[in-house]
Amino acid sequence: MQPYFKPYIGYFQLINAVDLFIVYDNIKYTKKGWINRNRMLRDDKDVTFSLPLKKDSDSLNIVERELSVDFDCDKLLRQFEGTYWRAPYFEQTFPLLEQIVRYKEINLFRFLHHSITKTCLHLGITTKIKTSSEILIEHTLQSQDKVLALCSAAGATTYINAIGGVALYSKNTFSDKGFDLKFLKSNHLEYMQFNDKFLAWLSIIDVMMFNALDVIKSSMLINYELV
């Protein structure tokens, strides 16, 4: 999977569901994706927060991109604090956000990798995480062919992708190569936010602000189906 900044809970369900999670560093950064942005709750609406990036070529890989010199970590933390200071688990969650946002790293991939691993540790997810460039394959391969090569190099028997990947991968092709292909579909998840209007699938930050860690670990991280 691509690395994302504080993605929704389905991303962490996926990490929790597997024995080995491979995060891409050597694929192209995409502007319109969720690599350096996500959504949080503010005034009963979903608003976007983001990591500003240094202007650079659109052809660069994620590992070649950098955070902007104008990135104000304190400003981003104030946004999180202003939004969630009244949430029941603010005191449990905000120190984690401080560790992540204040991380002294300008490389986009390394910043995101740190965020993902720190969040996994906080949530009690013990899955081994590797970087795609560490694995000996032909890295010029694209999309499904690259995934198949990574599966082969990792000695996998099953590959699990998020449900959004259904149109990208062929179960028959994976089966022909000796792999079982599964897709993780998150079940409906609802919890009390600030009032009766619930906004679904916001950043994992929202989940952690409104739910006890033991509830997230014991029920939310396993609230999915493999199809």
C-alpha atoms as a PDB file:
ATOM      1  CA  MET A   1       0.000   0.000   0.000  1.00  0.00           C
ATOM      2  CA  GLN A   2       0.963   3.633  -0.378  1.00  0.00           C
ATOM      3  CA  PRO A   3       1.826   5.480   2.840  1.00  0.00           C
ATOM      4  CA  TYR A   4      -0.835   7.895   4.057  1.00  0.00           C
ATOM      5  CA  PHE A   5      -0.907  10.604   6.710  1.00  0.00           C
ATOM      6  CA  LYS A   6      -3.247   9.582   9.548  1.00  0.00           C
ATOM      7  CA  PRO A   7      -5.590   7.578   7.263  1.00  0.00           C
ATOM      8  CA  TYR A   8      -8.983   6.122   8.185  1.00  0.00           C
ATOM      9  CA  ILE A   9      -9.322   3.044  10.373  1.00  0.00           C
ATOM     10  CA  GLY A  10      -9.588   0.672   7.401  1.00  0.00           C
ATOM     11  CA  TYR A  11      -5.888   1.222   6.671  1.00  0.00           C
ATOM     12  CA  PHE A  12      -5.001   0.060  10.176  1.00  0.00           C
ATOM     13  CA  GLN A  13      -7.467  -2.828   9.973  1.00  0.00           C
ATOM     14  CA  LEU A  14      -5.524  -3.926   6.903  1.00  0.00           C
ATOM     15  CA  ILE A  15      -2.166  -3.702   8.676  1.00  0.00           C
ATOM     16  CA  ASN A  16      -3.613  -5.609  11.627  1.00  0.00           C
ATOM     17  CA  ALA A  17      -5.048  -8.319   9.351  1.00  0.00           C
ATOM     18  CA  VAL A  18      -1.758  -9.376   7.752  1.00  0.00           C
ATOM     19  CA  ASP A  19       1.551 -10.929   8.798  1.00  0.00           C
ATOM     20  CA  LEU A  20       3.640  -8.545   6.674  1.00  0.00           C
ATOM     21  CA  PHE A  21       2.665  -5.070   5.508  1.00  0.00           C
ATOM     22  CA  ILE A  22       4.695  -3.617   2.638  1.00  0.00           C
ATOM     23  CA  VAL A  23       4.552   0.141   2.303  1.00  0.00           C
ATOM     24  CA  TYR A  24       5.559   1.706  -1.001  1.00  0.00           C
ATOM     25  CA  ASP A  25       8.335   4.279  -1.048  1.00  0.00           C
ATOM     26  CA  ASN A  26       9.415   3.900  -4.681  1.00  0.00           C
ATOM     27  CA  ILE A  27       6.207   4.682  -6.527  1.00  0.00           C
ATOM     28  CA  LYS A  28       5.087   8.011  -7.938  1.00  0.00           C
ATOM     29  CA  TYR A  29       3.568  10.573  -5.615  1.00  0.00           C
ATOM     30  CA  THR A  30      -0.016  11.385  -6.650  1.00  0.00           C
ATOM     31  CA  LYS A  31      -1.438  14.838  -6.007  1.00  0.00           C
ATOM     32  CA  LYS A  32      -5.094  13.855  -5.868  1.00  0.00           C
ATOM     33  CA  GLY A  33      -4.682  10.971  -3.431  1.00  0.00           C
ATOM     34  CA  TRP A  34      -4.529  10.865   0.346  1.00  0.00           C
ATOM     35  CA  ILE A  35      -0.783  10.550   0.817  1.00  0.00           C
ATOM     36  CA  ASN A  36      -0.287  13.805   2.693  1.00  0.00           C
ATOM     37  CA  ARG A  37      -3.841  14.743   3.714  1.00  0.00           C
ATOM     38  CA  ASN A  38      -6.954  13.456   5.425  1.00  0.00           C
ATOM     39  CA  ARG A  39     -10.182  14.597   7.060  1.00  0.00           C
ATOM     40  CA  MET A  40     -11.155  15.520  10.599  1.00  0.00           C
ATOM     41  CA  LEU A  41     -14.269  16.766  12.371  1.00  0.00           C
ATOM     42  CA  ARG A  42     -14.780  20.499  12.884  1.00  0.00           C
ATOM     43  CA  ASP A  43     -18.047  22.272  13.665  1.00  0.00           C
ATOM     44  CA  ASP A  44     -20.019  19.154  12.677  1.00  0.00           C
ATOM     45  CA  LYS A  45     -18.381  19.080   9.241  1.00  0.00           C
ATOM     46  CA  ASP A  46     -15.496  17.165   7.736  1.00  0.00           C
ATOM     47  CA  VAL A  47     -12.517  19.390   6.944  1.00  0.00           C
ATOM     48  CA  THR A  48      -9.215  18.511   5.330  1.00  0.00           C
ATOM     49  CA  PHE A  49      -5.848  18.763   7.056  1.00  0.00           C
ATOM     50  CA  SER A  50      -2.600  18.319   5.167  1.00  0.00           C
ATOM     51  CA  LEU A  51       1.169  18.298   5.122  1.00  0.00           C
ATOM     52  CA  PRO A  52       2.459  21.036   2.786  1.00  0.00           C
ATOM     53  CA  LEU A  53       5.078  19.829   0.314  1.00  0.00           C
ATOM     54  CA  LYS A  54       8.042  21.481  -1.328  1.00  0.00           C
ATOM     55  CA  LYS A  55       7.263  22.300  -4.950  1.00  0.00           C
ATOM     56  CA  ASP A  56       8.894  19.719  -7.169  1.00  0.00           C
ATOM     57  CA  SER A  57       8.479  17.591 -10.264  1.00  0.00           C
ATOM     58  CA  ASP A  58       5.279  15.547 -10.509  1.00  0.00           C
ATOM     59  CA  SER A  59       7.337  12.612 -11.761  1.00  0.00           C
ATOM     60  CA  LEU A  60       9.159  12.055  -8.451  1.00  0.00           C
ATOM     61  CA  ASN A  61       8.581   9.046  -6.255  1.00  0.00           C
ATOM     62  CA  ILE A  62       7.198   9.462  -2.749  1.00  0.00           C
ATOM     63  CA  VAL A  63      10.643   8.912  -1.244  1.00  0.00           C
ATOM     64  CA  GLU A  64      11.987  11.798  -3.334  1.00  0.00           C
ATOM     65  CA  ARG A  65       9.461  14.349  -2.079  1.00  0.00           C
ATOM     66  CA  GLU A  66      10.032  16.684   0.864  1.00  0.00           C
ATOM     67  CA  LEU A  67       7.913  18.651   3.289  1.00  0.00           C
ATOM     68  CA  SER A  68       7.778  22.378   2.661  1.00  0.00           C
ATOM     69  CA  VAL A  69      10.198  24.577   4.576  1.00  0.00           C
ATOM     70  CA  ASP A  70       7.064  26.515   5.544  1.00  0.00           C
ATOM     71  CA  PHE A  71       5.513  23.523   7.319  1.00  0.00           C
ATOM     72  CA  ASP A  72       4.392  24.818  10.713  1.00  0.00           C
ATOM     73  CA  CYS A  73       4.020  21.795  12.975  1.00  0.00           C
ATOM     74  CA  ASP A  74       2.667  23.936  15.819  1.00  0.00           C
ATOM     75  CA  LYS A  75      -0.074  25.309  13.566  1.00  0.00           C
ATOM     76  CA  LEU A  76      -1.170  21.789  12.596  1.00  0.00           C
ATOM     77  CA  LEU A  77      -1.164  20.690  16.227  1.00  0.00           C
ATOM     78  CA  ARG A  78      -3.265  23.719  17.145  1.00  0.00           C
ATOM     79  CA  GLN A  79      -5.777  22.651  14.489  1.00  0.00           C
ATOM     80  CA  PHE A  80      -6.021  19.203  16.056  1.00  0.00           C
ATOM     81  CA  GLU A  81      -6.217  20.659  19.552  1.00  0.00           C
ATOM     82  CA  GLY A  82      -8.835  23.247  18.630  1.00  0.00           C
ATOM     83  CA  THR A  83     -10.972  20.569  17.041  1.00  0.00           C
ATOM     84  CA  TYR A  84     -10.709  17.822  19.627  1.00  0.00           C
ATOM     85  CA  TRP A  85      -9.802  19.325  23.016  1.00  0.00           C
ATOM     86  CA  ARG A  86     -13.283  18.464  24.343  1.00  0.00           C
ATOM     87  CA  ALA A  87     -13.170  14.868  23.054  1.00  0.00           C
ATOM     88  CA  PRO A  88     -13.178  12.214  25.823  1.00  0.00           C
ATOM     89  CA  TYR A  89      -9.823  10.687  24.851  1.00  0.00           C
ATOM     90  CA  PHE A  90      -7.943  13.864  23.946  1.00  0.00           C
ATOM     91  CA  GLU A  91      -5.398  13.375  26.739  1.00  0.00           C
ATOM     92  CA  GLN A  92      -4.755   9.821  25.526  1.00  0.00           C
ATOM     93  CA  THR A  93      -4.298  10.820  21.882  1.00  0.00           C
ATOM     94  CA  PHE A  94      -2.735  14.268  21.680  1.00  0.00           C
ATOM     95  CA  PRO A  95       0.733  13.225  22.963  1.00  0.00           C
ATOM     96  CA  LEU A  96       0.902  10.736  20.078  1.00  0.00           C
ATOM     97  CA  LEU A  97       0.068  13.504  17.606  1.00  0.00           C
ATOM     98  CA  GLU A  98       2.804  15.659  19.094  1.00  0.00           C
ATOM     99  CA  GLN A  99       5.365  12.856  18.620  1.00  0.00           C
ATOM    100  CA  ILE A 100       4.291  12.442  15.012  1.00  0.00           C
ATOM    101  CA  VAL A 101       3.858  16.051  13.901  1.00  0.00           C
ATOM    102  CA  ARG A 102       7.023  17.308  15.641  1.00  0.00           C
ATOM    103  CA  TYR A 103       9.161  14.538  14.118  1.00  0.00           C
ATOM    104  CA  LYS A 104      12.335  16.144  12.786  1.00  0.00           C
ATOM    105  CA  GLU A 105      12.261  14.824   9.242  1.00  0.00           C
ATOM    106  CA  ILE A 106      11.693  16.666   5.967  1.00  0.00           C
ATOM    107  CA  ASN A 107      11.592  13.570   3.725  1.00  0.00           C
ATOM    108  CA  LEU A 108       7.929  12.836   3.041  1.00  0.00           C
ATOM    109  CA  PHE A 109       8.211   9.048   3.045  1.00  0.00           C
ATOM    110  CA  ARG A 110      10.227   8.848   6.245  1.00  0.00           C
ATOM    111  CA  PHE A 111       7.823  11.260   7.949  1.00  0.00           C
ATOM    112  CA  LEU A 112       4.827   9.133   6.902  1.00  0.00           C
ATOM    113  CA  HIS A 113       6.555   5.863   7.796  1.00  0.00           C
ATOM    114  CA  HIS A 114       7.248   7.205  11.284  1.00  0.00           C
ATOM    115  CA  SER A 115       3.607   8.279  11.622  1.00  0.00           C
ATOM    116  CA  ILE A 116       2.322   4.854  10.578  1.00  0.00           C
ATOM    117  CA  THR A 117       4.635   2.879  12.856  1.00  0.00           C
ATOM    118  CA  LYS A 118       3.982   5.146  15.853  1.00  0.00           C
ATOM    119  CA  THR A 119       0.229   4.848  15.377  1.00  0.00           C
ATOM    120  CA  CYS A 120       0.478   1.065  15.091  1.00  0.00           C
ATOM    121  CA  LEU A 121       2.463   0.935  18.323  1.00  0.00           C
ATOM    122  CA  HIS A 122      -0.173   3.097  20.033  1.00  0.00           C
ATOM    123  CA  LEU A 123      -2.949   0.791  18.802  1.00  0.00           C
ATOM    124  CA  GLY A 124      -1.131  -2.393  19.780  1.00  0.00           C
ATOM    125  CA  ILE A 125      -0.647  -3.554  16.181  1.00  0.00           C
ATOM    126  CA  THR A 126       2.437  -5.775  16.010  1.00  0.00           C
ATOM    127  CA  THR A 127       2.497  -6.561  12.269  1.00  0.00           C
ATOM    128  CA  LYS A 128       5.932  -6.465  10.657  1.00  0.00           C
ATOM    129  CA  ILE A 129       6.236  -3.476   8.301  1.00  0.00           C
ATOM    130  CA  LYS A 130       8.734  -3.391   5.445  1.00  0.00           C
ATOM    131  CA  THR A 131       9.548  -0.797   2.807  1.00  0.00           C
ATOM    132  CA  SER A 132       9.073  -1.851  -0.815  1.00  0.00           C
ATOM    133  CA  SER A 133      12.568  -0.783  -1.916  1.00  0.00           C
ATOM    134  CA  GLU A 134      14.086  -3.183   0.667  1.00  0.00           C
ATOM    135  CA  ILE A 135      12.688  -6.150  -1.257  1.00  0.00           C
ATOM    136  CA  LEU A 136      14.687  -7.602  -4.142  1.00  0.00           C
ATOM    137  CA  ILE A 137      12.427  -7.410  -7.187  1.00  0.00           C
ATOM    138  CA  GLU A 138      12.452  -5.617 -10.511  1.00  0.00           C
ATOM    139  CA  HIS A 139      11.229  -2.251  -9.272  1.00  0.00           C
ATOM    140  CA  THR A 140      10.365  -0.930 -12.733  1.00  0.00           C
ATOM    141  CA  LEU A 141       7.336  -3.231 -12.680  1.00  0.00           C
ATOM    142  CA  GLN A 142       3.971  -1.505 -12.391  1.00  0.00           C
ATOM    143  CA  SER A 143       0.678  -2.031 -10.522  1.00  0.00           C
ATOM    144  CA  GLN A 144      -0.445  -5.689 -10.413  1.00  0.00           C
ATOM    145  CA  ASP A 145       2.833  -7.043 -11.779  1.00  0.00           C
ATOM    146  CA  LYS A 146       4.742  -5.267  -9.030  1.00  0.00           C
ATOM    147  CA  VAL A 147       2.393  -6.589  -6.348  1.00  0.00           C
ATOM    148  CA  LEU A 148       2.808 -10.146  -7.672  1.00  0.00           C
ATOM    149  CA  ALA A 149       6.591  -9.784  -7.619  1.00  0.00           C
ATOM    150  CA  LEU A 150       6.498  -8.497  -4.032  1.00  0.00           C
ATOM    151  CA  CYS A 151       4.241 -11.376  -2.984  1.00  0.00           C
ATOM    152  CA  SER A 152       6.610 -13.875  -4.557  1.00  0.00           C
ATOM    153  CA  ALA A 153       9.712 -12.317  -2.985  1.00  0.00           C
ATOM    154  CA  ALA A 154       8.016 -12.221   0.439  1.00  0.00           C
ATOM    155  CA  GLY A 155       6.970 -15.886   0.231  1.00  0.00           C
ATOM    156  CA  ALA A 156       3.311 -14.968   0.531  1.00  0.00           C
ATOM    157  CA  THR A 157       0.388 -17.340   0.153  1.00  0.00           C
ATOM    158  CA  THR A 158      -2.334 -14.680   0.411  1.00  0.00           C
ATOM    159  CA  TYR A 159      -2.419 -11.033  -0.631  1.00  0.00           C
ATOM    160  CA  ILE A 160      -4.954  -8.750   1.035  1.00  0.00           C
ATOM    161  CA  ASN A 161      -5.785  -5.340  -0.374  1.00  0.00           C
ATOM    162  CA  ALA A 162      -8.336  -2.705   0.610  1.00  0.00           C
ATOM    163  CA  ILE A 163     -11.771  -3.091  -0.984  1.00  0.00           C
ATOM    164  CA  GLY A 164     -11.033  -0.146  -3.265  1.00  0.00           C
ATOM    165  CA  GLY A 165      -8.561  -2.351  -5.130  1.00  0.00           C
ATOM    166  CA  VAL A 166     -11.209  -4.728  -6.508  1.00  0.00           C
ATOM    167  CA  ALA A 167     -11.037  -3.146  -9.958  1.00  0.00           C
ATOM    168  CA  LEU A 168      -7.227  -3.183  -9.989  1.00  0.00           C
ATOM    169  CA  TYR A 169      -6.443  -6.842  -9.379  1.00  0.00           C
ATOM    170  CA  SER A 170      -7.581 -10.132 -10.894  1.00  0.00           C
ATOM    171  CA  LYS A 171      -8.278 -13.081  -8.594  1.00  0.00           C
ATOM    172  CA  ASN A 172      -7.642 -15.464 -11.489  1.00  0.00           C
ATOM    173  CA  THR A 173      -4.236 -13.946 -12.227  1.00  0.00           C
ATOM    174  CA  PHE A 174      -3.223 -14.179  -8.574  1.00  0.00           C
ATOM    175  CA  SER A 175      -4.493 -17.760  -8.380  1.00  0.00           C
ATOM    176  CA  ASP A 176      -2.505 -18.714 -11.495  1.00  0.00           C
ATOM    177  CA  LYS A 177       0.608 -17.418  -9.711  1.00  0.00           C
ATOM    178  CA  GLY A 178      -0.183 -19.414  -6.568  1.00  0.00           C
ATOM    179  CA  PHE A 179      -1.625 -16.611  -4.417  1.00  0.00           C
ATOM    180  CA  ASP A 180      -5.042 -16.224  -2.817  1.00  0.00           C
ATOM    181  CA  LEU A 181      -6.341 -12.669  -3.359  1.00  0.00           C
ATOM    182  CA  LYS A 182      -8.604 -11.156  -0.705  1.00  0.00           C
ATOM    183  CA  PHE A 183     -10.100  -7.720  -0.203  1.00  0.00           C
ATOM    184  CA  LEU A 184     -10.722  -6.149   3.174  1.00  0.00           C
ATOM    185  CA  LYS A 185     -14.139  -4.525   3.487  1.00  0.00           C
ATOM    186  CA  SER A 186     -14.636  -2.459   6.635  1.00  0.00           C
ATOM    187  CA  ASN A 187     -18.009  -3.010   8.279  1.00  0.00           C
ATOM    188  CA  HIS A 188     -20.228  -0.125   9.304  1.00  0.00           C
ATOM    189  CA  LEU A 189     -18.641   1.702  12.224  1.00  0.00           C
ATOM    190  CA  GLU A 190     -20.381   4.344  14.281  1.00  0.00           C
ATOM    191  CA  TYR A 191     -19.534   5.944  17.618  1.00  0.00           C
ATOM    192  CA  MET A 192     -20.507   9.017  19.593  1.00  0.00           C
ATOM    193  CA  GLN A 193     -18.826  12.181  18.383  1.00  0.00           C
ATOM    194  CA  PHE A 194     -19.800  15.605  19.734  1.00  0.00           C
ATOM    195  CA  ASN A 195     -23.493  15.275  18.913  1.00  0.00           C
ATOM    196  CA  ASP A 196     -26.022  13.020  17.210  1.00  0.00           C
ATOM    197  CA  LYS A 197     -24.776  13.696  13.683  1.00  0.00           C
ATOM    198  CA  PHE A 198     -22.132  11.081  12.865  1.00  0.00           C
ATOM    199  CA  LEU A 199     -19.494  11.629  10.172  1.00  0.00           C
ATOM    200  CA  ALA A 200     -17.984   8.357   9.030  1.00  0.00           C
ATOM    201  CA  TRP A 201     -14.540   7.337   7.801  1.00  0.00           C
ATOM    202  CA  LEU A 202     -12.599  10.324   9.075  1.00  0.00           C
ATOM    203  CA  SER A 203      -8.917  10.082  10.001  1.00  0.00           C
ATOM    204  CA  ILE A 204      -7.860   7.538  12.622  1.00  0.00           C
ATOM    205  CA  ILE A 205      -7.356  10.630  14.794  1.00  0.00           C
ATOM    206  CA  ASP A 206     -11.134  10.939  15.113  1.00  0.00           C
ATOM    207  CA  VAL A 207     -11.485   7.286  16.135  1.00  0.00           C
ATOM    208  CA  MET A 208      -8.778   7.640  18.795  1.00  0.00           C
ATOM    209  CA  MET A 209     -10.221  10.885  20.168  1.00  0.00           C
ATOM    210  CA  PHE A 210     -13.665   9.379  20.794  1.00  0.00           C
ATOM    211  CA  ASN A 211     -12.888   5.765  21.740  1.00  0.00           C
ATOM    212  CA  ALA A 212     -10.913   4.019  24.459  1.00  0.00           C
ATOM    213  CA  LEU A 213      -7.857   2.127  23.260  1.00  0.00           C
ATOM    214  CA  ASP A 214      -9.168  -1.196  24.525  1.00  0.00           C
ATOM    215  CA  VAL A 215     -12.372  -0.724  22.493  1.00  0.00           C
ATOM    216  CA  ILE A 216     -10.404   0.122  19.346  1.00  0.00           C
ATOM    217  CA  LYS A 217      -8.168  -2.911  19.837  1.00  0.00           C
ATOM    218  CA  SER A 218     -10.835  -5.420  20.859  1.00  0.00           C
ATOM    219  CA  SER A 219     -13.601  -4.559  18.401  1.00  0.00           C
ATOM    220  CA  MET A 220     -12.909  -1.792  15.881  1.00  0.00           C
ATOM    221  CA  LEU A 221      -9.674  -3.150  14.409  1.00  0.00           C
ATOM    222  CA  ILE A 222     -11.361  -6.466  13.673  1.00  0.00           C
ATOM    223  CA  ASN A 223     -14.648  -5.026  12.405  1.00  0.00           C
ATOM    224  CA  TYR A 224     -14.224  -6.072   8.777  1.00  0.00           C
ATOM    225  CA  GLU A 225     -14.848  -8.863   6.295  1.00  0.00           C
ATOM    226  CA  LEU A 226     -12.453 -10.488   3.844  1.00  0.00           C
ATOM    227  CA  VAL A 227     -14.117 -11.020   0.489  1.00  0.00           C
END
